[in-house]
Amino acid sequence: MIGPMSQAAGPPESRESTTRALVLGGAVVALYLSLGAIDRLIGRVDGEAPASMAAASGLHAPIPLPTSDSQPWLALFTLGDSAAPLVWTFTAVDCTMAVLYGLLLSGLLAKLRAGQGRRPPTLLRLFTTPRPWVAWAAAAADLVENVLLLAIFLTGRAGEQMSARLVLATAVVSLIKWGALLLAVLPLASVALAWGWRRLGRRGG
């Protein structure tokens, strides 16, 4: 009884996992597109320079060290009060997306790790070994990044000078976020490439 029941339960569980991944993936894509639309609206708000939350949360190597006059953070700092609803909306949407892609990537990586089992360590596997916690590290860094960007915007509203330390912290957290995302995506990309290579090999044969 145990064998047949477990076999019968397998496909529904697999379908449920696939459906969950598709729903989360669709939600992440929808939120990502929404962020682009909101960011374009932020760029149209009057300021000393066109501002972009997306650019401020992009990959920036903190070398040389950013200063209180560094872009693209200065453009966010000098935004007018009229941009506040858009900045808060962008932050809320981005935080929601961070949680959802954390759920999506950690689930995919956990499933991939369960299917692979233990393998001898190699240099390549150092970067392609699925680690579900890396997805949550990226999501956590994304949330912290949003708080720091919001702090940059709000300190500008208070008439203070932009803090170089705050900008540096934002750049470092952004770097951690993108690095963790890369480590989360590489195992999935390697499996997808291997699958595509096998498919091409079968067609060629």
N, C-alpha and C. Protein backbone atom coordinates (compact mmCIF):
# COMPACT_ATOMS: atom_id res chain seq x y z
N MET A 1 0.82 -1.21 0.00
CA MET A 1 0.00 0.00 0.00
C MET A 1 0.86 1.27 0.00
N ILE A 2 2.00 1.22 0.71
CA ILE A 2 2.81 2.44 0.80
C ILE A 2 3.40 2.81 -0.55
N GLY A 3 3.91 1.78 -1.28
CA GLY A 3 4.53 2.06 -2.58
C GLY A 3 3.57 2.69 -3.56
N PRO A 4 2.41 2.04 -3.87
CA PRO A 4 1.48 2.62 -4.82
C PRO A 4 0.97 3.98 -4.40
N MET A 5 0.72 4.16 -3.10
CA MET A 5 0.19 5.45 -2.67
C MET A 5 1.21 6.55 -2.86
N SER A 6 2.50 6.26 -2.54
CA SER A 6 3.53 7.27 -2.72
C SER A 6 3.74 7.59 -4.19
N GLN A 7 3.62 6.56 -5.06
CA GLN A 7 3.77 6.80 -6.49
C GLN A 7 2.62 7.64 -7.01
N ALA A 8 1.41 7.37 -6.48
CA ALA A 8 0.26 8.12 -6.95
C ALA A 8 0.32 9.57 -6.47
N ALA A 9 0.98 9.77 -5.29
CA ALA A 9 1.04 11.13 -4.76
C ALA A 9 2.13 11.95 -5.44
N GLY A 10 3.05 11.27 -6.13
CA GLY A 10 4.17 11.98 -6.74
C GLY A 10 3.77 13.00 -7.79
N PRO A 11 3.06 12.57 -8.85
CA PRO A 11 2.71 13.51 -9.92
C PRO A 11 1.91 14.72 -9.44
N PRO A 12 0.88 14.56 -8.58
CA PRO A 12 0.17 15.75 -8.11
C PRO A 12 1.07 16.72 -7.37
N GLU A 13 1.99 16.19 -6.57
CA GLU A 13 2.92 17.06 -5.85
C GLU A 13 3.82 17.80 -6.83
N SER A 14 4.26 17.09 -7.87
CA SER A 14 5.10 17.72 -8.88
C SER A 14 4.34 18.81 -9.63
N ARG A 15 3.07 18.52 -9.96
CA ARG A 15 2.26 19.52 -10.65
C ARG A 15 2.02 20.74 -9.76
N GLU A 16 1.80 20.49 -8.47
CA GLU A 16 1.58 21.59 -7.54
C GLU A 16 2.83 22.46 -7.43
N SER A 17 3.99 21.82 -7.40
CA SER A 17 5.25 22.56 -7.33
C SER A 17 5.47 23.39 -8.59
N THR A 18 5.15 22.79 -9.74
CA THR A 18 5.30 23.52 -11.01
C THR A 18 4.34 24.70 -11.08
N THR A 19 3.10 24.47 -10.66
CA THR A 19 2.11 25.55 -10.66
C THR A 19 2.54 26.69 -9.75
N ARG A 20 3.05 26.33 -8.58
CA ARG A 20 3.52 27.35 -7.62
C ARG A 20 4.65 28.17 -8.22
N ALA A 21 5.60 27.50 -8.89
CA ALA A 21 6.71 28.21 -9.50
C ALA A 21 6.23 29.13 -10.62
N LEU A 22 5.27 28.67 -11.41
CA LEU A 22 4.74 29.50 -12.50
C LEU A 22 4.01 30.72 -11.98
N VAL A 23 3.23 30.52 -10.92
CA VAL A 23 2.49 31.65 -10.33
C VAL A 23 3.46 32.67 -9.75
N LEU A 24 4.45 32.19 -9.00
CA LEU A 24 5.44 33.11 -8.42
C LEU A 24 6.25 33.81 -9.51
N GLY A 25 6.64 33.03 -10.54
CA GLY A 25 7.39 33.63 -11.63
C GLY A 25 6.59 34.69 -12.36
N GLY A 26 5.32 34.41 -12.61
CA GLY A 26 4.46 35.39 -13.27
C GLY A 26 4.30 36.65 -12.44
N ALA A 27 4.15 36.47 -11.12
CA ALA A 27 4.00 37.62 -10.23
C ALA A 27 5.27 38.46 -10.21
N VAL A 28 6.43 37.79 -10.18
CA VAL A 28 7.71 38.52 -10.18
C VAL A 28 7.87 39.32 -11.46
N VAL A 29 7.54 38.72 -12.59
CA VAL A 29 7.65 39.44 -13.87
C VAL A 29 6.71 40.64 -13.90
N ALA A 30 5.47 40.45 -13.44
CA ALA A 30 4.49 41.55 -13.42
C ALA A 30 4.97 42.69 -12.53
N LEU A 31 5.50 42.35 -11.36
CA LEU A 31 6.00 43.39 -10.46
C LEU A 31 7.23 44.09 -11.04
N TYR A 32 8.08 43.32 -11.71
CA TYR A 32 9.27 43.91 -12.34
C TYR A 32 8.86 44.93 -13.41
N LEU A 33 7.87 44.58 -14.21
CA LEU A 33 7.40 45.51 -15.24
C LEU A 33 6.75 46.74 -14.61
N SER A 34 6.05 46.54 -13.50
CA SER A 34 5.44 47.67 -12.79
C SER A 34 6.51 48.61 -12.25
N LEU A 35 7.61 48.04 -11.75
CA LEU A 35 8.70 48.87 -11.25
C LEU A 35 9.27 49.75 -12.35
N GLY A 36 9.40 49.18 -13.55
CA GLY A 36 9.91 49.97 -14.67
C GLY A 36 9.01 51.15 -14.98
N ALA A 37 7.69 50.92 -14.95
CA ALA A 37 6.73 51.99 -15.23
C ALA A 37 6.78 53.07 -14.15
N ILE A 38 6.85 52.65 -12.88
CA ILE A 38 6.93 53.61 -11.78
C ILE A 38 8.22 54.41 -11.85
N ASP A 39 9.31 53.73 -12.18
CA ASP A 39 10.61 54.40 -12.24
C ASP A 39 10.63 55.46 -13.34
N ARG A 40 9.96 55.18 -14.45
CA ARG A 40 9.90 56.19 -15.52
C ARG A 40 9.12 57.42 -15.06
N LEU A 41 8.10 57.21 -14.26
CA LEU A 41 7.34 58.35 -13.72
C LEU A 41 8.20 59.16 -12.75
N ILE A 42 9.00 58.46 -11.95
CA ILE A 42 9.90 59.16 -11.02
C ILE A 42 10.89 60.02 -11.80
N GLY A 43 11.35 59.52 -12.94
CA GLY A 43 12.31 60.26 -13.75
C GLY A 43 11.74 61.54 -14.34
N ARG A 44 10.40 61.64 -14.40
CA ARG A 44 9.77 62.84 -14.95
C ARG A 44 9.51 63.91 -13.90
N VAL A 45 9.72 63.57 -12.63
CA VAL A 45 9.51 64.55 -11.56
C VAL A 45 10.65 65.55 -11.57
N ASP A 46 10.32 66.82 -11.33
CA ASP A 46 11.34 67.86 -11.34
C ASP A 46 12.36 67.63 -10.24
N GLY A 47 13.60 67.80 -10.60
CA GLY A 47 14.71 67.67 -9.66
C GLY A 47 15.95 68.23 -10.31
N GLU A 48 17.06 68.22 -9.59
CA GLU A 48 18.29 68.75 -10.17
C GLU A 48 18.79 67.89 -11.32
N ALA A 49 18.43 66.61 -11.31
CA ALA A 49 18.80 65.68 -12.39
C ALA A 49 17.73 64.59 -12.43
N PRO A 50 17.52 63.98 -13.61
CA PRO A 50 16.53 62.90 -13.68
C PRO A 50 16.89 61.78 -12.70
N ALA A 51 15.94 61.42 -11.84
CA ALA A 51 16.20 60.40 -10.82
C ALA A 51 15.71 59.04 -11.29
N SER A 52 16.32 58.01 -10.76
CA SER A 52 15.92 56.64 -11.09
C SER A 52 16.21 55.74 -9.90
N MET A 53 15.15 55.17 -9.33
CA MET A 53 15.32 54.22 -8.24
C MET A 53 16.02 52.96 -8.75
N ALA A 54 15.73 52.59 -9.99
CA ALA A 54 16.35 51.40 -10.57
C ALA A 54 17.85 51.60 -10.72
N ALA A 55 18.26 52.79 -11.17
CA ALA A 55 19.69 53.07 -11.32
C ALA A 55 20.37 53.11 -9.96
N ALA A 56 19.69 53.67 -8.96
CA ALA A 56 20.27 53.76 -7.62
C ALA A 56 20.41 52.40 -6.96
N SER A 57 19.59 51.44 -7.41
CA SER A 57 19.67 50.09 -6.83
C SER A 57 20.40 49.13 -7.76
N GLY A 58 21.07 49.68 -8.77
CA GLY A 58 21.82 48.85 -9.70
C GLY A 58 23.15 48.40 -9.13
N LEU A 59 23.92 47.73 -9.96
CA LEU A 59 25.22 47.22 -9.55
C LEU A 59 26.26 48.32 -9.67
N HIS A 60 26.76 48.78 -8.53
CA HIS A 60 27.78 49.83 -8.52
C HIS A 60 28.93 49.37 -7.64
N ALA A 61 30.10 49.23 -8.21
CA ALA A 61 31.27 48.89 -7.41
C ALA A 61 31.65 50.09 -6.56
N PRO A 62 31.71 49.93 -5.23
CA PRO A 62 31.99 51.08 -4.35
C PRO A 62 33.46 51.50 -4.37
N ILE A 63 34.07 51.46 -5.56
CA ILE A 63 35.46 51.88 -5.73
C ILE A 63 35.53 52.70 -7.03
N PRO A 64 35.90 53.99 -7.00
CA PRO A 64 36.27 54.72 -5.79
C PRO A 64 35.07 54.93 -4.86
N LEU A 65 35.35 55.24 -3.62
CA LEU A 65 34.29 55.38 -2.64
C LEU A 65 33.34 56.49 -3.05
N PRO A 66 32.03 56.23 -3.02
CA PRO A 66 31.07 57.28 -3.36
C PRO A 66 31.11 58.41 -2.33
N THR A 67 30.77 59.60 -2.78
CA THR A 67 30.79 60.78 -1.92
C THR A 67 29.38 61.35 -1.81
N SER A 68 29.26 62.47 -1.14
CA SER A 68 27.95 63.11 -0.97
C SER A 68 27.46 63.73 -2.28
N ASP A 69 28.27 63.72 -3.32
CA ASP A 69 27.86 64.27 -4.63
C ASP A 69 27.74 63.17 -5.68
N SER A 70 27.76 61.92 -5.27
CA SER A 70 27.78 60.81 -6.23
C SER A 70 26.40 60.55 -6.81
N GLN A 71 26.40 60.32 -8.11
CA GLN A 71 25.18 59.90 -8.81
C GLN A 71 25.19 58.37 -8.90
N PRO A 72 24.04 57.71 -9.03
CA PRO A 72 22.69 58.27 -9.21
C PRO A 72 21.97 58.57 -7.91
N TRP A 73 22.65 58.44 -6.77
CA TRP A 73 21.99 58.64 -5.48
C TRP A 73 21.65 60.11 -5.24
N LEU A 74 22.50 61.03 -5.75
CA LEU A 74 22.25 62.45 -5.55
C LEU A 74 20.95 62.88 -6.22
N ALA A 75 20.65 62.30 -7.39
CA ALA A 75 19.40 62.64 -8.07
C ALA A 75 18.19 62.21 -7.23
N LEU A 76 18.29 61.08 -6.57
CA LEU A 76 17.21 60.64 -5.67
C LEU A 76 17.12 61.56 -4.47
N PHE A 77 18.27 61.99 -3.96
CA PHE A 77 18.33 62.86 -2.78
C PHE A 77 17.67 64.21 -3.05
N THR A 78 17.81 64.72 -4.28
CA THR A 78 17.31 66.06 -4.61
C THR A 78 15.92 66.05 -5.21
N LEU A 79 15.26 64.92 -5.21
CA LEU A 79 13.89 64.86 -5.73
C LEU A 79 12.95 65.73 -4.90
N GLY A 80 11.96 66.30 -5.57
CA GLY A 80 10.99 67.12 -4.87
C GLY A 80 9.98 66.30 -4.08
N ASP A 81 9.22 67.00 -3.23
CA ASP A 81 8.21 66.32 -2.40
C ASP A 81 7.14 65.63 -3.24
N SER A 82 6.91 66.13 -4.45
CA SER A 82 5.86 65.54 -5.29
C SER A 82 6.19 64.11 -5.69
N ALA A 83 7.46 63.73 -5.55
CA ALA A 83 7.85 62.36 -5.92
C ALA A 83 7.60 61.35 -4.80
N ALA A 84 7.25 61.84 -3.61
CA ALA A 84 7.12 60.95 -2.46
C ALA A 84 6.16 59.78 -2.69
N PRO A 85 4.95 60.00 -3.23
CA PRO A 85 4.05 58.85 -3.45
C PRO A 85 4.65 57.80 -4.38
N LEU A 86 5.35 58.26 -5.41
CA LEU A 86 5.97 57.32 -6.35
C LEU A 86 7.12 56.55 -5.71
N VAL A 87 7.92 57.24 -4.91
CA VAL A 87 9.05 56.58 -4.24
C VAL A 87 8.54 55.54 -3.25
N TRP A 88 7.52 55.89 -2.48
CA TRP A 88 6.96 54.92 -1.53
C TRP A 88 6.34 53.73 -2.25
N THR A 89 5.65 54.01 -3.38
CA THR A 89 5.05 52.92 -4.15
C THR A 89 6.12 52.00 -4.73
N PHE A 90 7.16 52.59 -5.29
CA PHE A 90 8.26 51.79 -5.83
C PHE A 90 8.85 50.91 -4.74
N THR A 91 9.07 51.49 -3.56
CA THR A 91 9.67 50.74 -2.46
C THR A 91 8.79 49.57 -2.05
N ALA A 92 7.47 49.81 -1.95
CA ALA A 92 6.55 48.75 -1.55
C ALA A 92 6.51 47.63 -2.58
N VAL A 93 6.48 48.00 -3.86
CA VAL A 93 6.45 46.98 -4.92
C VAL A 93 7.75 46.20 -4.95
N ASP A 94 8.87 46.89 -4.80
CA ASP A 94 10.16 46.22 -4.85
C ASP A 94 10.34 45.27 -3.66
N CYS A 95 9.87 45.68 -2.48
CA CYS A 95 9.95 44.80 -1.31
C CYS A 95 9.09 43.55 -1.51
N THR A 96 7.91 43.74 -2.08
CA THR A 96 7.04 42.59 -2.37
C THR A 96 7.70 41.65 -3.36
N MET A 97 8.32 42.22 -4.40
CA MET A 97 8.99 41.39 -5.40
C MET A 97 10.16 40.63 -4.79
N ALA A 98 10.89 41.26 -3.85
CA ALA A 98 12.02 40.60 -3.21
C ALA A 98 11.57 39.35 -2.45
N VAL A 99 10.46 39.47 -1.74
CA VAL A 99 9.93 38.31 -1.00
C VAL A 99 9.50 37.21 -1.96
N LEU A 100 8.84 37.60 -3.05
CA LEU A 100 8.35 36.60 -4.01
C LEU A 100 9.50 35.91 -4.74
N TYR A 101 10.52 36.67 -5.17
CA TYR A 101 11.61 35.97 -5.85
C TYR A 101 12.45 35.15 -4.86
N GLY A 102 12.43 35.55 -3.59
CA GLY A 102 13.06 34.71 -2.58
C GLY A 102 12.36 33.36 -2.46
N LEU A 103 11.03 33.40 -2.43
CA LEU A 103 10.25 32.16 -2.39
C LEU A 103 10.48 31.32 -3.64
N LEU A 104 10.47 31.98 -4.79
CA LEU A 104 10.62 31.27 -6.06
C LEU A 104 11.98 30.61 -6.18
N LEU A 105 13.03 31.39 -6.01
CA LEU A 105 14.39 30.86 -6.20
C LEU A 105 14.76 29.83 -5.13
N SER A 106 14.38 30.08 -3.89
CA SER A 106 14.71 29.12 -2.83
C SER A 106 14.00 27.79 -3.06
N GLY A 107 12.76 27.85 -3.54
CA GLY A 107 12.03 26.62 -3.84
C GLY A 107 12.66 25.85 -4.98
N LEU A 108 13.03 26.55 -6.05
CA LEU A 108 13.67 25.89 -7.18
C LEU A 108 15.02 25.30 -6.80
N LEU A 109 15.78 26.04 -6.01
CA LEU A 109 17.10 25.56 -5.60
C LEU A 109 17.00 24.37 -4.65
N ALA A 110 16.00 24.40 -3.77
CA ALA A 110 15.81 23.26 -2.85
C ALA A 110 15.43 22.01 -3.62
N LYS A 111 14.57 22.16 -4.62
CA LYS A 111 14.17 21.02 -5.44
C LYS A 111 15.36 20.50 -6.25
N LEU A 112 16.17 21.41 -6.77
CA LEU A 112 17.34 21.01 -7.54
C LEU A 112 18.36 20.29 -6.65
N ARG A 113 18.56 20.79 -5.46
CA ARG A 113 19.52 20.17 -4.54
C ARG A 113 19.06 18.78 -4.13
N ALA A 114 17.75 18.61 -3.90
CA ALA A 114 17.23 17.29 -3.52
C ALA A 114 17.42 16.28 -4.64
N GLY A 115 17.33 16.75 -5.90
CA GLY A 115 17.49 15.84 -7.02
C GLY A 115 18.94 15.49 -7.32
N GLN A 116 19.86 16.34 -6.92
CA GLN A 116 21.27 16.10 -7.22
C GLN A 116 21.97 15.24 -6.17
N GLY A 117 21.59 15.39 -4.93
CA GLY A 117 22.28 14.65 -3.87
C GLY A 117 23.68 15.20 -3.65
N ARG A 118 24.51 14.44 -2.96
CA ARG A 118 25.88 14.87 -2.67
C ARG A 118 26.80 14.52 -3.82
N ARG A 119 27.64 15.51 -4.21
CA ARG A 119 28.60 15.28 -5.28
C ARG A 119 29.97 15.78 -4.84
N PRO A 120 31.05 15.18 -5.39
CA PRO A 120 32.39 15.64 -5.03
C PRO A 120 32.57 17.11 -5.37
N PRO A 121 33.19 17.91 -4.48
CA PRO A 121 33.37 19.34 -4.75
C PRO A 121 34.40 19.59 -5.86
N THR A 122 34.07 20.52 -6.74
CA THR A 122 35.00 20.99 -7.77
C THR A 122 34.90 22.50 -7.83
N LEU A 123 35.81 23.13 -8.57
CA LEU A 123 35.79 24.58 -8.68
C LEU A 123 34.50 25.06 -9.34
N LEU A 124 34.05 24.36 -10.39
CA LEU A 124 32.82 24.75 -11.07
C LEU A 124 31.61 24.60 -10.14
N ARG A 125 31.59 23.51 -9.37
CA ARG A 125 30.45 23.27 -8.48
C ARG A 125 30.41 24.26 -7.32
N LEU A 126 31.52 24.94 -7.08
CA LEU A 126 31.53 25.97 -6.06
C LEU A 126 30.53 27.07 -6.40
N PHE A 127 30.33 27.29 -7.71
CA PHE A 127 29.41 28.33 -8.17
C PHE A 127 28.07 27.78 -8.64
N THR A 128 28.00 26.49 -8.93
CA THR A 128 26.76 25.92 -9.48
C THR A 128 26.04 25.00 -8.51
N THR A 129 26.55 24.87 -7.29
CA THR A 129 25.85 24.08 -6.29
C THR A 129 24.63 24.85 -5.79
N PRO A 130 23.44 24.24 -5.84
CA PRO A 130 22.24 24.96 -5.39
C PRO A 130 22.23 25.18 -3.89
N ARG A 131 22.09 26.42 -3.49
CA ARG A 131 22.03 26.80 -2.08
C ARG A 131 20.79 27.67 -1.86
N PRO A 132 19.71 27.10 -1.34
CA PRO A 132 18.47 27.88 -1.16
C PRO A 132 18.64 29.13 -0.31
N TRP A 133 19.55 29.10 0.67
CA TRP A 133 19.73 30.26 1.55
C TRP A 133 20.26 31.47 0.80
N VAL A 134 20.95 31.23 -0.33
CA VAL A 134 21.49 32.35 -1.10
C VAL A 134 20.36 33.21 -1.67
N ALA A 135 19.26 32.56 -2.06
CA ALA A 135 18.11 33.31 -2.57
C ALA A 135 17.55 34.24 -1.50
N TRP A 136 17.49 33.74 -0.26
CA TRP A 136 16.98 34.57 0.83
C TRP A 136 17.99 35.65 1.22
N ALA A 137 19.28 35.38 1.04
CA ALA A 137 20.29 36.41 1.28
C ALA A 137 20.10 37.57 0.30
N ALA A 138 19.82 37.23 -0.97
CA ALA A 138 19.58 38.26 -1.97
C ALA A 138 18.33 39.06 -1.64
N ALA A 139 17.26 38.36 -1.24
CA ALA A 139 16.01 39.05 -0.90
C ALA A 139 16.21 39.95 0.31
N ALA A 140 16.94 39.47 1.32
CA ALA A 140 17.19 40.28 2.51
C ALA A 140 18.00 41.52 2.17
N ALA A 141 19.04 41.36 1.33
CA ALA A 141 19.83 42.50 0.91
C ALA A 141 18.99 43.49 0.12
N ASP A 142 18.07 42.98 -0.68
CA ASP A 142 17.17 43.85 -1.45
C ASP A 142 16.30 44.69 -0.52
N LEU A 143 15.78 44.06 0.54
CA LEU A 143 14.94 44.78 1.49
C LEU A 143 15.75 45.87 2.21
N VAL A 144 16.97 45.53 2.63
CA VAL A 144 17.82 46.52 3.30
C VAL A 144 18.16 47.66 2.33
N GLU A 145 18.42 47.31 1.09
CA GLU A 145 18.73 48.32 0.07
C GLU A 145 17.57 49.30 -0.08
N ASN A 146 16.35 48.79 -0.08
CA ASN A 146 15.18 49.67 -0.20
C ASN A 146 15.07 50.63 0.97
N VAL A 147 15.37 50.13 2.17
CA VAL A 147 15.33 51.00 3.35
C VAL A 147 16.38 52.10 3.22
N LEU A 148 17.57 51.76 2.76
CA LEU A 148 18.64 52.75 2.61
C LEU A 148 18.32 53.78 1.53
N LEU A 149 17.75 53.33 0.42
CA LEU A 149 17.36 54.28 -0.63
C LEU A 149 16.26 55.21 -0.14
N LEU A 150 15.35 54.67 0.63
CA LEU A 150 14.28 55.50 1.19
C LEU A 150 14.88 56.52 2.17
N ALA A 151 15.89 56.10 2.92
CA ALA A 151 16.55 57.02 3.85
C ALA A 151 17.24 58.15 3.09
N ILE A 152 17.85 57.83 1.95
CA ILE A 152 18.48 58.87 1.12
C ILE A 152 17.45 59.89 0.66
N PHE A 153 16.31 59.40 0.20
CA PHE A 153 15.25 60.29 -0.27
C PHE A 153 14.71 61.15 0.87
N LEU A 154 14.45 60.55 2.02
CA LEU A 154 13.85 61.27 3.14
C LEU A 154 14.81 62.29 3.75
N THR A 155 16.10 61.99 3.80
CA THR A 155 17.05 62.97 4.32
C THR A 155 17.15 64.18 3.39
N GLY A 156 16.93 63.96 2.12
CA GLY A 156 16.91 65.07 1.18
C GLY A 156 15.73 65.99 1.44
N ARG A 157 14.60 65.40 1.84
CA ARG A 157 13.42 66.19 2.16
C ARG A 157 13.63 67.01 3.43
N ALA A 158 14.51 66.55 4.30
CA ALA A 158 14.76 67.26 5.56
C ALA A 158 15.76 68.40 5.39
N GLY A 159 16.26 68.59 4.18
CA GLY A 159 17.18 69.69 3.91
C GLY A 159 18.60 69.43 4.39
N GLU A 160 18.92 68.16 4.64
CA GLU A 160 20.27 67.84 5.10
C GLU A 160 21.17 67.53 3.90
N GLN A 161 22.48 67.50 4.16
CA GLN A 161 23.42 67.10 3.12
C GLN A 161 23.42 65.58 3.01
N MET A 162 23.55 65.09 1.78
CA MET A 162 23.54 63.65 1.60
C MET A 162 24.76 63.03 2.26
N SER A 163 24.51 61.97 3.03
CA SER A 163 25.58 61.30 3.76
C SER A 163 26.36 60.36 2.84
N ALA A 164 27.67 60.58 2.78
CA ALA A 164 28.52 59.69 1.97
C ALA A 164 28.52 58.28 2.55
N ARG A 165 28.44 58.17 3.88
CA ARG A 165 28.40 56.84 4.49
C ARG A 165 27.12 56.10 4.12
N LEU A 166 26.01 56.83 4.05
CA LEU A 166 24.75 56.20 3.67
C LEU A 166 24.81 55.71 2.22
N VAL A 167 25.41 56.51 1.36
CA VAL A 167 25.57 56.12 -0.04
C VAL A 167 26.48 54.90 -0.16
N LEU A 168 27.58 54.89 0.60
CA LEU A 168 28.50 53.77 0.57
C LEU A 168 27.80 52.49 1.06
N ALA A 169 27.04 52.60 2.13
CA ALA A 169 26.31 51.44 2.65
C ALA A 169 25.33 50.91 1.61
N THR A 170 24.67 51.82 0.91
CA THR A 170 23.73 51.42 -0.14
C THR A 170 24.43 50.69 -1.27
N ALA A 171 25.58 51.21 -1.69
CA ALA A 171 26.34 50.59 -2.78
C ALA A 171 26.83 49.20 -2.38
N VAL A 172 27.28 49.06 -1.13
CA VAL A 172 27.78 47.76 -0.66
C VAL A 172 26.64 46.74 -0.59
N VAL A 173 25.50 47.16 -0.06
CA VAL A 173 24.35 46.25 0.03
C VAL A 173 23.86 45.85 -1.36
N SER A 174 23.87 46.80 -2.29
CA SER A 174 23.48 46.49 -3.67
C SER A 174 24.43 45.46 -4.27
N LEU A 175 25.72 45.61 -3.99
CA LEU A 175 26.71 44.65 -4.49
C LEU A 175 26.46 43.26 -3.92
N ILE A 176 26.14 43.20 -2.63
CA ILE A 176 25.82 41.91 -1.99
C ILE A 176 24.57 41.30 -2.63
N LYS A 177 23.58 42.13 -2.88
CA LYS A 177 22.34 41.64 -3.48
C LYS A 177 22.59 41.01 -4.85
N TRP A 178 23.32 41.73 -5.70
CA TRP A 178 23.56 41.21 -7.04
C TRP A 178 24.47 40.00 -7.03
N GLY A 179 25.43 39.96 -6.11
CA GLY A 179 26.28 38.78 -6.00
C GLY A 179 25.49 37.56 -5.56
N ALA A 180 24.60 37.74 -4.58
CA ALA A 180 23.78 36.63 -4.12
C ALA A 180 22.81 36.17 -5.21
N LEU A 181 22.26 37.12 -5.94
CA LEU A 181 21.37 36.74 -7.05
C LEU A 181 22.11 35.92 -8.10
N LEU A 182 23.35 36.32 -8.38
CA LEU A 182 24.14 35.58 -9.36
C LEU A 182 24.37 34.14 -8.88
N LEU A 183 24.71 33.98 -7.60
CA LEU A 183 24.94 32.64 -7.06
C LEU A 183 23.66 31.82 -7.01
N ALA A 184 22.52 32.50 -6.92
CA ALA A 184 21.24 31.79 -6.91
C ALA A 184 20.83 31.34 -8.31
N VAL A 185 21.16 32.16 -9.31
CA VAL A 185 20.73 31.88 -10.68
C VAL A 185 21.67 30.92 -11.40
N LEU A 186 22.96 30.96 -11.07
CA LEU A 186 23.93 30.12 -11.78
C LEU A 186 23.59 28.62 -11.76
N PRO A 187 23.21 28.03 -10.62
CA PRO A 187 22.86 26.60 -10.64
C PRO A 187 21.68 26.31 -11.56
N LEU A 188 20.68 27.19 -11.56
CA LEU A 188 19.51 26.99 -12.42
C LEU A 188 19.90 27.15 -13.89
N ALA A 189 20.76 28.14 -14.17
CA ALA A 189 21.19 28.35 -15.55
C ALA A 189 22.02 27.18 -16.05
N SER A 190 22.88 26.61 -15.19
CA SER A 190 23.71 25.49 -15.61
C SER A 190 22.87 24.26 -15.93
N VAL A 191 21.82 24.03 -15.15
CA VAL A 191 20.92 22.91 -15.42
C VAL A 191 20.16 23.14 -16.72
N ALA A 192 19.71 24.37 -16.93
CA ALA A 192 18.98 24.68 -18.17
C ALA A 192 19.88 24.52 -19.39
N LEU A 193 21.14 24.95 -19.29
CA LEU A 193 22.07 24.80 -20.40
C LEU A 193 22.38 23.33 -20.68
N ALA A 194 22.55 22.55 -19.61
CA ALA A 194 22.82 21.12 -19.78
C ALA A 194 21.63 20.42 -20.44
N TRP A 195 20.43 20.79 -20.04
CA TRP A 195 19.23 20.21 -20.64
C TRP A 195 19.14 20.57 -22.12
N GLY A 196 19.40 21.85 -22.44
CA GLY A 196 19.35 22.28 -23.84
C GLY A 196 20.42 21.60 -24.68
N TRP A 197 21.60 21.38 -24.09
CA TRP A 197 22.69 20.70 -24.81
C TRP A 197 22.31 19.26 -25.11
N ARG A 198 21.69 18.60 -24.14
CA ARG A 198 21.25 17.22 -24.36
C ARG A 198 20.19 17.14 -25.46
N ARG A 199 19.28 18.08 -25.46
CA ARG A 199 18.24 18.12 -26.50
C ARG A 199 18.85 18.31 -27.88
N LEU A 200 19.82 19.22 -27.97
CA LEU A 200 20.49 19.42 -29.27
C LEU A 200 21.24 18.16 -29.69
N GLY A 201 21.87 17.47 -28.72
CA GLY A 201 22.58 16.26 -29.04
C GLY A 201 21.66 15.16 -29.56
N ARG A 202 20.47 15.07 -29.00
CA ARG A 202 19.53 14.04 -29.46
C ARG A 202 19.04 14.35 -30.86
N ARG A 203 18.82 15.63 -31.14
CA ARG A 203 18.36 15.99 -32.49
C ARG A 203 19.47 15.76 -33.51
N GLY A 204 20.69 16.11 -33.07
CA GLY A 204 21.82 15.92 -33.99
C GLY A 204 22.10 14.46 -34.27
N GLY A 205 21.83 13.59 -33.23
CA GLY A 205 22.06 12.18 -33.43
C GLY A 205 21.00 11.55 -34.31
